[in-house]
Amino acid sequence: MATRKTKLTLPEVQQLIQDLLDYSNSPSVDDLLVFAETINLGPFKTPKQAKPKGLTATVMRKAVLNKFECKTVADLRKHKTFAMAFTGDKVGLKTTEDWRKQYRKWIAVPEDERYQKGPTCINGIDVLENFRPWHVFGLNSSTASTDDIKESYRQLVKTHHPDMGGDARVFERLQKMRDSLIALMN
């Protein structure tokens, strides 16, 4: 549609309405949008969505400490479950990125990392960065069965298998997610 520089007169608008009604007794949403853009002197602007703010290291640290019912980082390091998860690994807990990794692992995917797009993203989650199998598989943990897990995996593999043009790292991660969920079910 060509953009006009001048406003329409009332008779011109009335003629556009009549043309629209002559064209269709019940105009579609697309017909009405074209009409509105004509009146608007051009296409509407799409509002920019506000990008979610990233979490601070303090907020992430508090969330992880609360998860393990610890008051300090020293207590967290001594917590059996936390320590077992990192047996043999040195875990840094000094930088924002260190706490972001822990937050991803124990709490949730940070809001500013959701709804991502790209070859390593499924259902808005970058599977190479976040291990969230229920979300990636699109299943509810309280109602899903082993068969649901297997079926969801089969559907994802149709797109993400290396033989189908998918990324081998994503495929490997999907296998690990499937195996983890099935093990959890048994």
Protein backbone atom coordinates (compact mmCIF):
# COMPACT_ATOMS: atom_id res chain seq x y z
CA MET A 1 0.00 0.00 0.00
CA ALA A 2 1.36 3.41 -0.91
CA THR A 3 1.74 5.85 1.94
CA ARG A 4 -0.17 9.10 1.55
CA LYS A 5 0.92 12.43 2.94
CA THR A 6 -2.48 14.08 3.47
CA LYS A 7 -5.46 13.19 5.63
CA LEU A 8 -8.58 11.81 4.00
CA THR A 9 -11.75 13.85 3.87
CA LEU A 10 -14.97 12.53 5.35
CA PRO A 11 -16.47 11.74 1.90
CA GLU A 12 -13.30 9.77 1.02
CA VAL A 13 -13.54 7.75 4.23
CA GLN A 14 -17.24 7.12 3.63
CA GLN A 15 -16.41 5.89 0.10
CA LEU A 16 -13.71 3.55 1.49
CA ILE A 17 -16.23 2.16 3.99
CA GLN A 18 -18.77 1.65 1.22
CA ASP A 19 -16.15 -0.06 -0.99
CA LEU A 20 -15.22 -2.33 1.89
CA LEU A 21 -18.85 -3.28 2.52
CA ASP A 22 -19.48 -3.80 -1.21
CA TYR A 23 -16.45 -6.07 -1.34
CA SER A 24 -17.59 -8.13 1.64
CA ASN A 25 -20.69 -8.14 3.84
CA SER A 26 -18.56 -9.34 6.73
CA PRO A 27 -15.04 -7.95 6.29
CA SER A 28 -12.14 -10.05 7.56
CA VAL A 29 -9.57 -8.85 10.06
CA ASP A 30 -7.12 -8.37 7.16
CA ASP A 31 -9.68 -6.24 5.27
CA LEU A 32 -10.23 -4.08 8.33
CA LEU A 33 -6.48 -3.77 8.91
CA VAL A 34 -5.95 -2.52 5.33
CA PHE A 35 -8.77 -0.03 5.88
CA ALA A 36 -7.26 1.15 9.17
CA GLU A 37 -3.81 1.52 7.57
CA THR A 38 -5.38 3.62 4.82
CA ILE A 39 -6.91 5.90 7.42
CA ASN A 40 -3.62 5.88 9.36
CA LEU A 41 -1.69 7.10 6.31
CA GLY A 42 0.44 3.97 6.32
CA PRO A 43 1.28 0.78 8.20
CA PHE A 44 1.14 0.70 11.98
CA LYS A 45 4.36 0.51 13.93
CA THR A 46 4.96 -2.65 15.91
CA PRO A 47 5.68 -1.72 19.51
CA LYS A 48 9.04 -2.86 20.79
CA GLN A 49 8.82 -5.35 23.58
CA ALA A 50 10.76 -4.43 26.64
CA LYS A 51 13.67 -6.76 27.13
CA PRO A 52 13.52 -8.41 30.54
CA LYS A 53 16.16 -7.16 32.91
CA GLY A 54 18.88 -9.57 33.86
CA LEU A 55 19.05 -10.84 37.40
CA THR A 56 21.73 -9.43 39.66
CA ALA A 57 24.33 -11.66 41.29
CA THR A 58 22.80 -10.83 44.68
CA VAL A 59 19.31 -11.98 43.66
CA MET A 60 20.66 -15.19 42.12
CA ARG A 61 22.90 -15.91 45.13
CA LYS A 62 19.98 -15.44 47.55
CA ALA A 63 17.78 -17.77 45.47
CA VAL A 64 20.42 -20.51 45.40
CA LEU A 65 21.17 -20.14 49.10
CA ASN A 66 17.44 -20.33 49.89
CA LYS A 67 17.09 -23.45 47.74
CA PHE A 68 19.62 -25.21 49.97
CA GLU A 69 18.46 -23.47 53.15
CA CYS A 70 21.91 -21.94 53.67
CA LYS A 71 22.77 -18.54 55.06
CA THR A 72 26.26 -18.18 53.61
CA VAL A 73 28.29 -19.35 50.63
CA ALA A 74 30.51 -21.32 53.04
CA ASP A 75 27.42 -23.20 54.25
CA LEU A 76 26.42 -23.84 50.64
CA ARG A 77 29.81 -25.35 49.81
CA LYS A 78 29.38 -27.72 52.77
CA HIS A 79 25.85 -28.76 51.80
CA LYS A 80 25.93 -32.44 50.84
CA THR A 81 23.65 -32.24 47.78
CA PHE A 82 25.43 -29.18 46.41
CA ALA A 83 28.88 -30.67 47.03
CA MET A 84 27.88 -34.02 45.49
CA ALA A 85 26.70 -32.33 42.30
CA PHE A 86 30.20 -30.96 41.77
CA THR A 87 32.39 -33.81 43.02
CA GLY A 88 35.83 -33.36 41.51
CA ASP A 89 35.01 -29.96 40.01
CA LYS A 90 36.08 -26.59 41.31
CA VAL A 91 33.02 -24.35 41.47
CA GLY A 92 33.56 -20.61 41.37
CA LEU A 93 30.99 -18.56 43.27
CA LYS A 94 32.47 -15.09 42.85
CA THR A 95 31.19 -13.61 39.61
CA THR A 96 27.72 -12.85 38.28
CA GLU A 97 28.24 -15.54 35.62
CA ASP A 98 29.13 -18.10 38.33
CA TRP A 99 25.86 -17.36 40.09
CA ARG A 100 23.95 -17.35 36.80
CA LYS A 101 25.17 -20.91 36.15
CA GLN A 102 24.05 -22.01 39.61
CA TYR A 103 20.72 -20.23 39.23
CA ARG A 104 20.14 -21.99 35.88
CA LYS A 105 21.05 -25.35 37.39
CA TRP A 106 19.08 -25.18 40.63
CA ILE A 107 16.34 -22.56 40.29
CA ALA A 108 15.16 -21.76 36.76
CA VAL A 109 16.11 -20.31 33.42
CA PRO A 110 16.57 -16.56 33.99
CA GLU A 111 13.79 -14.49 32.43
CA ASP A 112 16.22 -12.73 30.07
CA GLU A 113 17.27 -16.12 28.64
CA ARG A 114 13.76 -17.37 27.85
CA TYR A 115 12.08 -17.20 24.46
CA GLN A 116 15.38 -17.46 22.61
CA LYS A 117 15.59 -18.39 18.95
CA GLY A 118 18.30 -20.16 17.06
CA PRO A 119 19.54 -23.57 15.98
CA THR A 120 20.28 -24.69 19.55
CA CYS A 121 16.97 -23.44 20.99
CA ILE A 122 13.87 -25.55 21.56
CA ASN A 123 10.70 -24.05 23.05
CA GLY A 124 12.65 -20.84 23.72
CA ILE A 125 15.39 -22.55 25.74
CA ASP A 126 18.99 -22.86 24.56
CA VAL A 127 19.51 -26.55 25.28
CA LEU A 128 23.29 -26.23 25.30
CA GLU A 129 23.12 -23.69 28.12
CA ASN A 130 20.11 -24.83 30.13
CA PHE A 131 19.19 -28.35 31.18
CA ARG A 132 15.40 -28.04 31.43
CA PRO A 133 14.06 -31.28 29.90
CA TRP A 134 10.42 -30.88 30.94
CA HIS A 135 10.25 -27.47 29.29
CA VAL A 136 12.21 -28.51 26.19
CA PHE A 137 10.03 -31.62 25.73
CA GLY A 138 6.89 -29.55 26.35
CA LEU A 139 5.65 -31.89 29.07
CA ASN A 140 4.13 -31.47 32.51
CA SER A 141 6.18 -33.32 35.12
CA SER A 142 3.12 -34.24 37.18
CA THR A 143 1.11 -35.81 34.33
CA ALA A 144 3.62 -37.08 31.74
CA SER A 145 4.24 -40.79 31.26
CA THR A 146 7.29 -42.59 29.92
CA ASP A 147 5.45 -42.99 26.61
CA ASP A 148 4.86 -39.20 26.50
CA ILE A 149 8.58 -38.62 27.02
CA LYS A 150 9.49 -41.05 24.25
CA GLU A 151 6.94 -39.56 21.84
CA SER A 152 8.09 -36.00 22.51
CA TYR A 153 11.69 -37.11 21.99
CA ARG A 154 10.77 -38.78 18.67
CA GLN A 155 9.09 -35.57 17.48
CA LEU A 156 12.10 -33.43 18.42
CA VAL A 157 14.54 -35.85 16.78
CA LYS A 158 12.74 -35.44 13.46
CA THR A 159 14.09 -31.89 13.38
CA HIS A 160 17.25 -32.04 15.46
CA HIS A 161 18.90 -35.31 14.38
CA PRO A 162 22.21 -34.68 12.54
CA ASP A 163 20.98 -36.80 9.61
CA MET A 164 18.08 -34.35 9.25
CA GLY A 165 20.35 -31.31 9.30
CA GLY A 166 20.28 -30.79 13.06
CA ASP A 167 23.15 -29.94 15.37
CA ALA A 168 24.90 -33.02 16.80
CA ARG A 169 25.39 -31.27 20.16
CA VAL A 170 21.65 -30.54 20.41
CA PHE A 171 20.82 -34.14 19.49
CA GLU A 172 23.21 -35.44 22.15
CA ARG A 173 21.67 -33.11 24.72
CA LEU A 174 18.16 -34.31 23.80
CA GLN A 175 19.28 -37.90 24.36
CA LYS A 176 20.61 -36.98 27.81
CA MET A 177 17.38 -35.17 28.64
CA ARG A 178 15.28 -38.14 27.52
CA ASP A 179 17.41 -40.58 29.52
CA SER A 180 17.24 -38.35 32.61
CA LEU A 181 13.46 -38.08 32.46
CA ILE A 182 12.97 -41.80 31.91
CA ALA A 183 15.32 -42.58 34.80
CA LEU A 184 13.34 -40.16 36.97
CA MET A 185 10.10 -41.95 36.08
CA ASN A 186 11.40 -45.37 37.14
